[in-house]
Amino acid sequence: MIHNRIQRNPMTRGLTFWGQWALALVTVNGWLFALTLYQTGEIAPHYRVLAALTVLGSLPAYSLLQVYHKRHSYRAGLGRLLLGWLLTLSGLTSIGFLSKTSQLFSREIILVWAVTGYGLQVLLYLPLHGFCRHYYRQLHSQYNTLILGTDPLAVKLADQLASSEFPPLVGLIRANASPASGRDCPHRVVGHLHELRELIRIHQIRRVYITLPLTEAKQVEALYIDLLDANVDMVWVPDLGRMTTLNHCVSEMNGSPAIHLNESPLTSHPTAALSKTLLDRGLAALALLILSPLLLVIAVAVKLSSPGPVIFKQARHGWNGQIIQVWKFRSMRLHHDQQVRQAGREDPRITAIGRFIRRTSIDELPQLVNVLQGHMALVGPRPHAVAHNDYYTGKIRAYMARHRIKPGITGLAQISGCRGETETLDKMQRRVEIDLTYINNWSLWLDIKILCKTPFTLFSKDIY
């Protein structure tokens, strides 16, 4: 996605978030103190600690969920606000339970505060979000835009600009004099490169996007020098579509632009990595506690089904390609294959109980222990056997790039229909493409959506 930003100063870009978040937290904590003072006649120290923890807990939750992003609709923004508030309350509840301090608080005060606190945030959010959207709409409405180029990248950029509320797109410019240039372009082509200065003057252009490839760097430099006196913003959008990039972004290093081609999204944002780890381990511990009776029953059934251990451990590649031991309930009879084979339909190696636990994905539940160990995540690319990775490396482009984050018990590929045996290269290619899409678009919100959708994929016909 190409982001349209007039101001590139990170502090300014974050002003919308910081301003609304700070106002919301001041209001929520002020309301907490007012309730406490009304009910008890004083503000006890533990309520002050609660207010401080609310500030600390809400910051990563609201930030990662992009609660105050100006491009959200009102409905989407209120939904993210509710989820961020619930995550904050869940964290506070967990801290109170683990520290055994929950009995210090009045349940009436906490319940009223939790419910009405969200209502107060909604009352603040609606006018402030509307104001921010109006402000940015007015600001961007002044930025008449041209795109230099008529190739697929230029068309893609034009589609994005045309679908957004701003900035206004005047049209595209042919980068060469070929008669066929721009003939099939679905957008308005307003002229040729040699007419660029005149078009800027006539249409009062404030921004020009240049979609020339990297091989045309000299021409881009010449255009930049030529238009320095034209008072227009020039944005070069090089075509990286032919490269398999990973979480690519542009940053600045000592005044020089740096294009990150394959940066891990979780190592580049430590706060995001911490939030994902807390979510993964917290839910894994809770799931193990709730599912412990089922796990015990399955363990006994597996033990009685055939000779062998209850837990099957297999070496697989984990984060950054490191070898980890992935746990599963054993679903097959002990055998001595010369090579690692994927399980197929009507596989004679699978036991009766094994077929059931594989069909319902119960055999994957011991991987919750892998999550607690820090070797896996709840959501991420599924780990494959080392032998399978050795086979596919070199046959599928960027195959091992899927190991730039921790493997998961479930993932975007699994809820997108890519489950079961991958008996052809095309099927594995499709799975890898979806895994890379997940890595490039990772967010805490995406993880939560995948976890919610996973139970509905357990009845897939491709599971066996």
Protein backbone atom coordinates (compact mmCIF):
# COMPACT_ATOMS: atom_id res chain seq x y z
CA MET A 1 0.00 0.00 0.00
CA ILE A 2 1.22 3.49 -0.82
CA HIS A 3 0.64 5.93 2.00
CA ASN A 4 -0.16 9.56 1.16
CA ARG A 5 1.65 11.72 3.70
CA ILE A 6 2.21 15.43 3.47
CA GLN A 7 4.15 15.71 6.70
CA ARG A 8 6.94 13.20 7.24
CA ASN A 9 7.94 14.20 10.73
CA PRO A 10 7.08 11.18 12.95
CA MET A 11 6.21 13.43 15.87
CA THR A 12 3.70 15.35 13.75
CA ARG A 13 2.24 12.18 12.23
CA GLY A 14 1.67 10.82 15.72
CA LEU A 15 0.07 13.99 17.04
CA THR A 16 -3.41 12.72 16.19
CA PHE A 17 -2.87 9.55 18.21
CA TRP A 18 -1.08 11.12 21.16
CA GLY A 19 -3.55 13.96 21.50
CA GLN A 20 -6.70 11.80 21.45
CA TRP A 21 -5.14 9.05 23.57
CA ALA A 22 -3.92 11.49 26.23
CA LEU A 23 -7.29 13.24 26.41
CA ALA A 24 -9.12 9.91 26.67
CA LEU A 25 -6.87 8.62 29.46
CA VAL A 26 -7.04 11.87 31.42
CA THR A 27 -10.84 11.72 31.21
CA VAL A 28 -11.05 8.02 32.11
CA ASN A 29 -8.70 8.33 35.07
CA GLY A 30 -10.39 11.53 36.21
CA TRP A 31 -13.69 9.68 36.16
CA LEU A 32 -12.12 6.84 38.19
CA PHE A 33 -10.94 9.30 40.84
CA ALA A 34 -14.34 11.02 40.90
CA LEU A 35 -16.14 7.70 41.45
CA THR A 36 -13.68 6.69 44.14
CA LEU A 37 -13.94 10.00 45.93
CA TYR A 38 -17.74 9.90 45.78
CA GLN A 39 -17.98 6.32 47.09
CA THR A 40 -15.20 6.26 49.68
CA GLY A 41 -14.48 9.91 50.44
CA GLU A 42 -10.81 9.57 49.47
CA ILE A 43 -8.53 8.38 46.66
CA ALA A 44 -6.63 5.45 48.11
CA PRO A 45 -3.08 4.66 46.83
CA HIS A 46 -4.16 1.45 45.06
CA TYR A 47 -6.59 3.43 42.89
CA ARG A 48 -3.73 5.72 41.90
CA VAL A 49 -1.68 2.66 40.95
CA LEU A 50 -4.64 1.42 38.90
CA ALA A 51 -4.75 4.72 37.02
CA ALA A 52 -1.03 4.51 36.25
CA LEU A 53 -1.33 0.92 35.04
CA THR A 54 -4.27 1.94 32.85
CA VAL A 55 -2.07 4.50 31.13
CA LEU A 56 0.79 2.02 30.65
CA GLY A 57 -1.48 -0.80 29.50
CA SER A 58 -3.61 1.21 27.10
CA LEU A 59 -0.67 2.70 25.20
CA PRO A 60 0.51 -0.49 23.40
CA ALA A 61 -3.06 -1.77 22.99
CA TYR A 62 -4.40 1.44 21.42
CA SER A 63 -1.26 1.99 19.37
CA LEU A 64 -1.10 -1.47 17.80
CA LEU A 65 -4.83 -1.47 17.07
CA GLN A 66 -4.47 2.00 15.48
CA VAL A 67 -7.51 3.15 17.41
CA TYR A 68 -7.22 6.79 16.39
CA HIS A 69 -6.16 6.38 12.76
CA LYS A 70 -7.83 9.12 10.74
CA ARG A 71 -8.69 6.80 7.83
CA HIS A 72 -10.97 4.57 9.93
CA SER A 73 -14.70 4.92 9.52
CA TYR A 74 -16.66 5.75 12.67
CA ARG A 75 -17.82 2.14 13.01
CA ALA A 76 -14.34 0.67 12.55
CA GLY A 77 -12.84 3.21 14.92
CA LEU A 78 -15.38 2.56 17.67
CA GLY A 79 -14.84 -1.18 17.27
CA ARG A 80 -11.09 -0.81 17.65
CA LEU A 81 -11.62 1.52 20.60
CA LEU A 82 -13.79 -1.11 22.29
CA LEU A 83 -11.26 -3.86 21.64
CA GLY A 84 -8.40 -1.70 22.91
CA TRP A 85 -10.33 -0.89 26.09
CA LEU A 86 -11.20 -4.56 26.63
CA LEU A 87 -7.55 -5.58 26.15
CA THR A 88 -6.52 -2.94 28.68
CA LEU A 89 -9.11 -4.14 31.19
CA SER A 90 -8.05 -7.76 30.61
CA GLY A 91 -4.46 -6.86 31.38
CA LEU A 92 -5.47 -5.00 34.53
CA THR A 93 -7.61 -7.95 35.64
CA SER A 94 -4.71 -10.36 35.09
CA ILE A 95 -2.37 -8.16 37.11
CA GLY A 96 -4.91 -7.94 39.93
CA PHE A 97 -5.39 -11.73 39.92
CA LEU A 98 -1.68 -12.57 39.85
CA SER A 99 -0.75 -9.99 42.50
CA LYS A 100 -3.75 -10.96 44.68
CA THR A 101 -4.73 -7.30 45.04
CA SER A 102 -8.14 -7.41 43.38
CA GLN A 103 -9.88 -7.59 46.76
CA LEU A 104 -8.62 -4.08 47.55
CA PHE A 105 -10.97 -2.54 44.99
CA SER A 106 -14.70 -1.91 45.21
CA ARG A 107 -16.42 -4.10 42.63
CA GLU A 108 -19.14 -1.51 42.21
CA ILE A 109 -16.63 1.24 41.42
CA ILE A 110 -14.64 -0.93 38.99
CA LEU A 111 -17.73 -2.20 37.17
CA VAL A 112 -19.24 1.28 36.75
CA TRP A 113 -15.86 2.68 35.71
CA ALA A 114 -15.23 -0.09 33.14
CA VAL A 115 -18.62 0.38 31.45
CA THR A 116 -18.97 4.15 31.59
CA GLY A 117 -15.27 4.65 30.86
CA TYR A 118 -15.83 3.33 27.35
CA GLY A 119 -18.89 5.55 26.98
CA LEU A 120 -16.85 8.62 27.90
CA GLN A 121 -14.20 7.67 25.36
CA VAL A 122 -16.88 7.31 22.68
CA LEU A 123 -18.20 10.81 23.47
CA LEU A 124 -14.69 12.18 23.03
CA TYR A 125 -13.88 10.06 19.99
CA LEU A 126 -16.82 11.06 17.79
CA PRO A 127 -16.22 14.83 17.56
CA LEU A 128 -12.40 14.59 17.63
CA HIS A 129 -12.31 11.92 14.92
CA GLY A 130 -14.67 13.98 12.78
CA PHE A 131 -12.52 17.07 13.25
CA CYS A 132 -9.31 15.21 12.34
CA ARG A 133 -10.88 13.74 9.21
CA HIS A 134 -12.18 17.16 8.17
CA TYR A 135 -8.80 18.78 8.82
CA TYR A 136 -6.85 16.25 6.78
CA ARG A 137 -9.46 16.34 4.02
CA GLN A 138 -9.12 20.12 3.78
CA LEU A 139 -5.32 19.91 3.91
CA HIS A 140 -5.08 17.28 1.19
CA SER A 141 -7.73 18.89 -1.01
CA GLN A 142 -5.15 21.53 -1.93
CA TYR A 143 -2.71 18.94 -3.25
CA ASN A 144 -3.65 18.44 -6.91
CA THR A 145 -1.64 15.46 -8.06
CA LEU A 146 -0.10 14.11 -11.26
CA ILE A 147 1.43 10.68 -11.84
CA LEU A 148 4.37 10.43 -14.20
CA GLY A 149 4.03 7.05 -15.91
CA THR A 150 1.33 4.82 -17.40
CA ASP A 151 2.74 1.39 -16.48
CA PRO A 152 0.96 -1.06 -14.14
CA LEU A 153 2.54 0.52 -11.06
CA ALA A 154 1.24 3.95 -12.10
CA VAL A 155 -2.22 2.51 -12.70
CA LYS A 156 -2.16 0.81 -9.28
CA LEU A 157 -1.16 4.07 -7.62
CA ALA A 158 -3.89 5.93 -9.53
CA ASP A 159 -6.45 3.35 -8.38
CA GLN A 160 -5.47 3.96 -4.77
CA LEU A 161 -5.60 7.74 -5.10
CA ALA A 162 -8.91 7.65 -6.96
CA SER A 163 -10.50 5.43 -4.32
CA SER A 164 -9.45 7.67 -1.44
CA GLU A 165 -11.01 10.96 -0.46
CA PHE A 166 -7.78 12.84 -1.09
CA PRO A 167 -5.59 14.09 -2.68
CA PRO A 168 -7.32 15.01 -5.99
CA LEU A 169 -5.77 13.14 -8.92
CA VAL A 170 -5.65 15.23 -12.11
CA GLY A 171 -4.33 12.43 -14.30
CA LEU A 172 -1.34 10.49 -15.64
CA ILE A 173 1.50 11.63 -17.89
CA ARG A 174 3.17 9.49 -20.58
CA ALA A 175 6.82 8.99 -19.72
CA ASN A 176 7.80 8.34 -23.35
CA ALA A 177 6.67 9.38 -26.80
CA SER A 178 5.52 5.94 -27.89
CA PRO A 179 2.02 6.10 -29.46
CA ALA A 180 1.04 2.95 -27.57
CA SER A 181 2.04 4.43 -24.22
CA GLY A 182 -1.03 4.78 -22.02
CA ARG A 183 -3.42 3.57 -24.71
CA ASP A 184 -5.04 0.97 -22.43
CA CYS A 185 -4.77 3.04 -19.25
CA PRO A 186 -8.13 3.15 -17.41
CA HIS A 187 -7.36 6.61 -16.03
CA ARG A 188 -7.19 9.99 -17.71
CA VAL A 189 -3.89 10.64 -19.53
CA VAL A 190 -3.38 14.41 -19.67
CA GLY A 191 -0.14 14.76 -21.63
CA HIS A 192 3.47 13.84 -22.27
CA LEU A 193 6.63 14.30 -20.24
CA HIS A 194 7.76 17.35 -22.23
CA GLU A 195 4.50 19.08 -21.21
CA LEU A 196 5.02 18.53 -17.49
CA ARG A 197 5.88 22.14 -16.59
CA GLU A 198 2.88 23.50 -18.45
CA LEU A 199 0.55 20.93 -16.87
CA ILE A 200 1.84 21.88 -13.41
CA ARG A 201 1.02 25.53 -14.10
CA ILE A 202 -2.41 24.93 -15.68
CA HIS A 203 -3.72 22.49 -13.07
CA GLN A 204 -1.95 24.11 -10.06
CA ILE A 205 -0.22 20.83 -9.26
CA ARG A 206 1.31 20.50 -5.81
CA ARG A 207 2.57 16.92 -6.01
CA VAL A 208 4.04 14.70 -8.74
CA TYR A 209 4.44 10.95 -8.25
CA ILE A 210 7.19 9.45 -10.40
CA THR A 211 6.73 5.74 -11.12
CA LEU A 212 9.82 5.27 -13.27
CA PRO A 213 11.83 2.08 -12.52
CA LEU A 214 15.14 2.00 -10.68
CA THR A 215 16.98 1.78 -14.01
CA GLU A 216 15.80 5.33 -14.78
CA ALA A 217 17.47 6.89 -11.73
CA LYS A 218 19.40 9.39 -13.89
CA GLN A 219 16.17 10.63 -15.49
CA VAL A 220 14.55 10.97 -12.07
CA GLU A 221 17.51 13.04 -10.90
CA ALA A 222 17.25 15.26 -13.97
CA LEU A 223 13.52 15.81 -13.37
CA TYR A 224 14.17 16.67 -9.75
CA ILE A 225 16.79 19.28 -10.66
CA ASP A 226 14.58 20.72 -13.41
CA LEU A 227 11.53 21.16 -11.18
CA LEU A 228 13.23 22.57 -8.09
CA ASP A 229 11.81 25.98 -8.91
CA ALA A 230 8.29 24.70 -9.67
CA ASN A 231 7.17 24.54 -6.01
CA VAL A 232 5.87 20.96 -6.25
CA ASP A 233 6.45 17.94 -4.06
CA MET A 234 8.15 15.16 -6.01
CA VAL A 235 7.67 11.60 -4.77
CA TRP A 236 9.55 8.75 -6.43
CA VAL A 237 7.72 5.43 -6.22
CA PRO A 238 10.21 2.86 -7.61
CA ASP A 239 8.79 -0.39 -8.92
CA LEU A 240 9.61 -3.07 -6.33
CA GLY A 241 6.77 -5.31 -7.47
CA ARG A 242 9.12 -7.65 -9.29
CA MET A 243 11.05 -8.32 -6.11
CA THR A 244 9.80 -10.52 -3.27
CA THR A 245 9.99 -7.99 -0.46
CA LEU A 246 9.21 -8.56 3.20
CA ASN A 247 7.64 -5.81 5.30
CA HIS A 248 9.40 -3.25 3.11
CA CYS A 249 9.49 0.34 4.22
CA VAL A 250 11.50 3.52 3.77
CA SER A 251 13.38 5.18 6.60
CA GLU A 252 16.14 7.74 7.05
CA MET A 253 19.71 7.01 8.14
CA ASN A 254 21.75 10.11 8.91
CA GLY A 255 19.91 12.11 6.28
CA SER A 256 20.05 9.40 3.59
CA PRO A 257 16.93 7.46 2.52
CA ALA A 258 17.06 3.73 3.21
CA ILE A 259 14.73 1.19 1.61
CA HIS A 260 14.24 -1.85 3.86
CA LEU A 261 13.52 -4.79 1.56
CA ASN A 262 13.08 -7.68 3.98
CA GLU A 263 12.86 -6.45 7.54
CA SER A 264 11.12 -8.59 10.12
CA PRO A 265 8.03 -6.68 11.33
CA LEU A 266 8.47 -7.86 14.90
CA THR A 267 12.19 -7.18 15.28
CA SER A 268 11.82 -3.72 13.75
CA HIS A 269 9.07 -2.82 16.25
CA PRO A 270 10.02 -4.14 19.73
CA THR A 271 6.76 -2.91 21.26
CA ALA A 272 4.82 -4.95 18.72
CA ALA A 273 6.90 -8.04 19.48
CA LEU A 274 6.28 -7.62 23.21
CA SER A 275 2.53 -7.19 22.70
CA LYS A 276 2.32 -10.28 20.49
CA THR A 277 4.32 -12.30 23.02
CA LEU A 278 2.07 -11.23 25.89
CA LEU A 279 -1.06 -12.06 23.89
CA ASP A 280 0.31 -15.44 22.78
CA ARG A 281 1.55 -16.62 26.16
CA GLY A 282 -1.42 -15.25 28.08
CA LEU A 283 -3.99 -16.97 25.84
CA ALA A 284 -1.89 -20.16 25.68
CA ALA A 285 -1.74 -20.40 29.48
CA LEU A 286 -5.48 -19.76 29.73
CA ALA A 287 -6.25 -22.34 27.04
CA LEU A 288 -4.11 -25.00 28.74
CA LEU A 289 -5.90 -24.36 32.01
CA ILE A 290 -9.38 -24.58 30.46
CA LEU A 291 -8.59 -27.53 28.16
CA SER A 292 -6.62 -29.60 30.69
CA PRO A 293 -9.46 -32.16 31.20
CA LEU A 294 -9.74 -32.69 27.43
CA LEU A 295 -5.95 -32.97 27.08
CA LEU A 296 -5.89 -35.64 29.79
CA VAL A 297 -8.65 -37.67 28.12
CA ILE A 298 -6.93 -37.48 24.71
CA ALA A 299 -3.59 -38.47 26.23
CA VAL A 300 -5.13 -41.61 27.73
CA ALA A 301 -6.89 -42.44 24.43
CA VAL A 302 -3.66 -42.05 22.44
CA LYS A 303 -1.77 -44.26 24.89
CA LEU A 304 -4.40 -47.01 24.61
CA SER A 305 -4.71 -46.77 20.82
CA SER A 306 -1.29 -48.25 19.97
CA PRO A 307 2.16 -48.74 21.51
CA GLY A 308 4.30 -45.62 21.65
CA PRO A 309 4.62 -42.24 23.36
CA VAL A 310 1.65 -39.92 23.83
CA ILE A 311 3.48 -36.86 22.54
CA PHE A 312 5.14 -36.88 19.12
CA LYS A 313 8.04 -34.44 18.79
CA GLN A 314 9.39 -33.48 15.40
CA ALA A 315 12.27 -31.19 14.47
CA ARG A 316 11.04 -28.23 12.47
CA HIS A 317 12.37 -24.84 11.50
CA GLY A 318 11.34 -22.02 13.79
CA TRP A 319 12.09 -18.32 14.06
CA ASN A 320 15.00 -17.27 11.81
CA GLY A 321 15.42 -20.88 10.69
CA GLN A 322 16.41 -22.28 14.09
CA ILE A 323 15.53 -25.91 14.74
CA ILE A 324 12.78 -26.41 17.33
CA GLN A 325 10.91 -29.46 18.63
CA VAL A 326 7.22 -29.13 17.80
CA TRP A 327 4.82 -31.10 20.04
CA LYS A 328 1.73 -32.94 18.84
CA PHE A 329 -0.42 -35.76 20.11
CA ARG A 330 0.80 -38.89 18.34
CA SER A 331 -1.75 -39.80 15.67
CA MET A 332 0.17 -42.54 13.83
CA ARG A 333 1.47 -45.97 14.63
CA LEU A 334 5.19 -46.22 15.16
CA HIS A 335 6.86 -46.74 11.78
CA HIS A 336 10.30 -46.44 10.20
CA ASP A 337 9.91 -44.57 6.92
CA GLN A 338 13.15 -43.85 5.09
CA GLN A 339 11.89 -40.36 4.28
CA VAL A 340 9.46 -37.91 5.85
CA ARG A 341 6.10 -38.18 4.08
CA GLN A 342 3.14 -35.86 4.54
CA ALA A 343 0.00 -37.54 5.82
CA GLY A 344 -2.50 -38.20 3.05
CA ARG A 345 -6.12 -39.20 2.82
CA GLU A 346 -6.69 -42.81 3.95
CA ASP A 347 -3.10 -42.98 5.21
CA PRO A 348 -2.66 -46.49 6.77
CA ARG A 349 -0.23 -45.15 9.35
CA ILE A 350 -2.96 -43.13 11.12
CA THR A 351 -4.72 -44.77 14.07
CA ALA A 352 -8.47 -44.58 14.71
CA ILE A 353 -8.12 -42.02 17.50
CA GLY A 354 -5.43 -40.33 15.42
CA ARG A 355 -7.85 -39.80 12.54
CA PHE A 356 -10.30 -38.14 14.93
CA ILE A 357 -7.81 -35.81 16.59
CA ARG A 358 -6.29 -34.87 13.23
CA ARG A 359 -9.72 -34.20 11.73
CA THR A 360 -10.62 -31.91 14.65
CA SER A 361 -7.06 -30.47 14.96
CA ILE A 362 -6.95 -31.60 18.60
CA ASP A 363 -3.56 -33.16 17.86
CA GLU A 364 -2.15 -29.61 17.60
CA LEU A 365 -3.10 -28.59 21.15
CA PRO A 366 0.21 -29.66 22.79
CA GLN A 367 1.79 -26.86 20.75
CA LEU A 368 0.35 -24.51 23.35
CA VAL A 369 3.33 -25.68 25.42
CA ASN A 370 5.62 -24.62 22.54
CA VAL A 371 3.99 -21.18 22.73
CA LEU A 372 4.69 -20.94 26.47
CA GLN A 373 8.29 -22.00 25.78
CA GLY A 374 8.60 -19.09 23.35
CA HIS A 375 9.34 -21.34 20.36
CA MET A 376 6.01 -20.75 18.63
CA ALA A 377 3.18 -18.22 18.46
CA LEU A 378 -0.57 -18.73 18.36
CA VAL A 379 -0.68 -17.19 14.88
CA GLY A 380 2.02 -17.41 12.23
CA PRO A 381 3.19 -19.53 9.30
CA ARG A 382 2.75 -23.23 10.05
CA PRO A 383 6.11 -24.95 10.73
CA HIS A 384 7.04 -27.63 8.22
CA ALA A 385 9.30 -30.64 8.75
CA VAL A 386 12.98 -29.92 8.14
CA ALA A 387 13.04 -32.46 5.30
CA HIS A 388 10.15 -30.67 3.60
CA ASN A 389 11.91 -27.30 3.91
CA ASP A 390 15.08 -28.78 2.39
CA TYR A 391 12.99 -30.08 -0.51
CA TYR A 392 11.10 -26.86 -1.25
CA THR A 393 14.03 -24.45 -0.77
CA GLY A 394 15.21 -23.52 -4.24
CA LYS A 395 12.02 -24.78 -5.86
CA ILE A 396 9.75 -22.04 -4.46
CA ARG A 397 10.78 -18.41 -4.52
CA ALA A 398 11.45 -16.85 -1.10
CA TYR A 399 10.34 -20.07 0.63
CA MET A 400 12.48 -19.64 3.75
CA ALA A 401 11.39 -15.99 4.18
CA ARG A 402 8.33 -17.34 5.98
CA HIS A 403 10.64 -18.08 8.95
CA ARG A 404 11.33 -14.42 9.67
CA ILE A 405 8.72 -14.62 12.44
CA LYS A 406 7.77 -17.38 14.86
CA PRO A 407 5.72 -20.25 13.40
CA GLY A 408 2.14 -20.49 14.61
CA ILE A 409 -0.46 -23.05 15.61
CA THR A 410 -2.80 -21.42 13.10
CA GLY A 411 -2.28 -18.81 10.42
CA LEU A 412 -3.69 -16.78 7.57
CA ALA A 413 -3.01 -19.63 5.13
CA GLN A 414 -5.01 -22.07 7.27
CA ILE A 415 -8.12 -19.87 7.42
CA SER A 416 -7.74 -19.14 3.68
CA GLY A 417 -8.22 -22.77 2.68
CA CYS A 418 -4.56 -23.81 2.43
CA ARG A 419 -4.69 -26.75 4.82
CA GLY A 420 -3.85 -30.40 4.50
CA GLU A 421 -1.39 -32.06 2.17
CA THR A 422 0.52 -29.92 -0.34
CA GLU A 423 1.18 -32.60 -2.94
CA THR A 424 2.05 -30.11 -5.71
CA LEU A 425 4.43 -27.19 -5.93
CA ASP A 426 1.54 -24.90 -6.86
CA LYS A 427 -0.25 -25.63 -3.58
CA MET A 428 2.88 -24.97 -1.54
CA GLN A 429 3.57 -21.81 -3.57
CA ARG A 430 0.08 -20.57 -2.72
CA ARG A 431 0.63 -21.28 0.99
CA VAL A 432 3.96 -19.44 0.98
CA GLU A 433 2.42 -16.43 -0.77
CA ILE A 434 -0.28 -16.18 1.90
CA ASP A 435 2.31 -16.57 4.67
CA LEU A 436 4.33 -13.68 3.22
CA THR A 437 1.14 -11.63 2.93
CA TYR A 438 0.55 -12.22 6.65
CA ILE A 439 4.11 -11.15 7.51
CA ASN A 440 3.85 -8.00 5.38
CA ASN A 441 0.52 -7.02 6.92
CA TRP A 442 0.97 -8.25 10.49
CA SER A 443 -0.90 -6.51 13.26
CA LEU A 444 -2.33 -7.50 16.61
CA TRP A 445 -5.79 -6.94 15.14
CA LEU A 446 -5.03 -9.39 12.29
CA ASP A 447 -3.92 -12.03 14.83
CA ILE A 448 -7.17 -11.64 16.75
CA LYS A 449 -9.26 -11.97 13.57
CA ILE A 450 -7.38 -15.13 12.56
CA LEU A 451 -7.89 -16.66 16.01
CA CYS A 452 -11.62 -15.90 15.82
CA LYS A 453 -11.94 -17.45 12.35
CA THR A 454 -9.86 -20.56 13.07
CA PRO A 455 -12.63 -22.61 14.78
CA PHE A 456 -14.79 -22.25 11.66
CA THR A 457 -12.09 -23.87 9.50
CA LEU A 458 -11.92 -27.09 11.53
CA PHE A 459 -14.55 -28.70 9.32
CA SER A 460 -12.51 -28.30 6.16
CA LYS A 461 -12.53 -31.31 3.86
CA ASP A 462 -8.75 -30.95 3.43
CA ILE A 463 -7.97 -31.98 7.01
CA TYR A 464 -7.03 -35.59 7.49
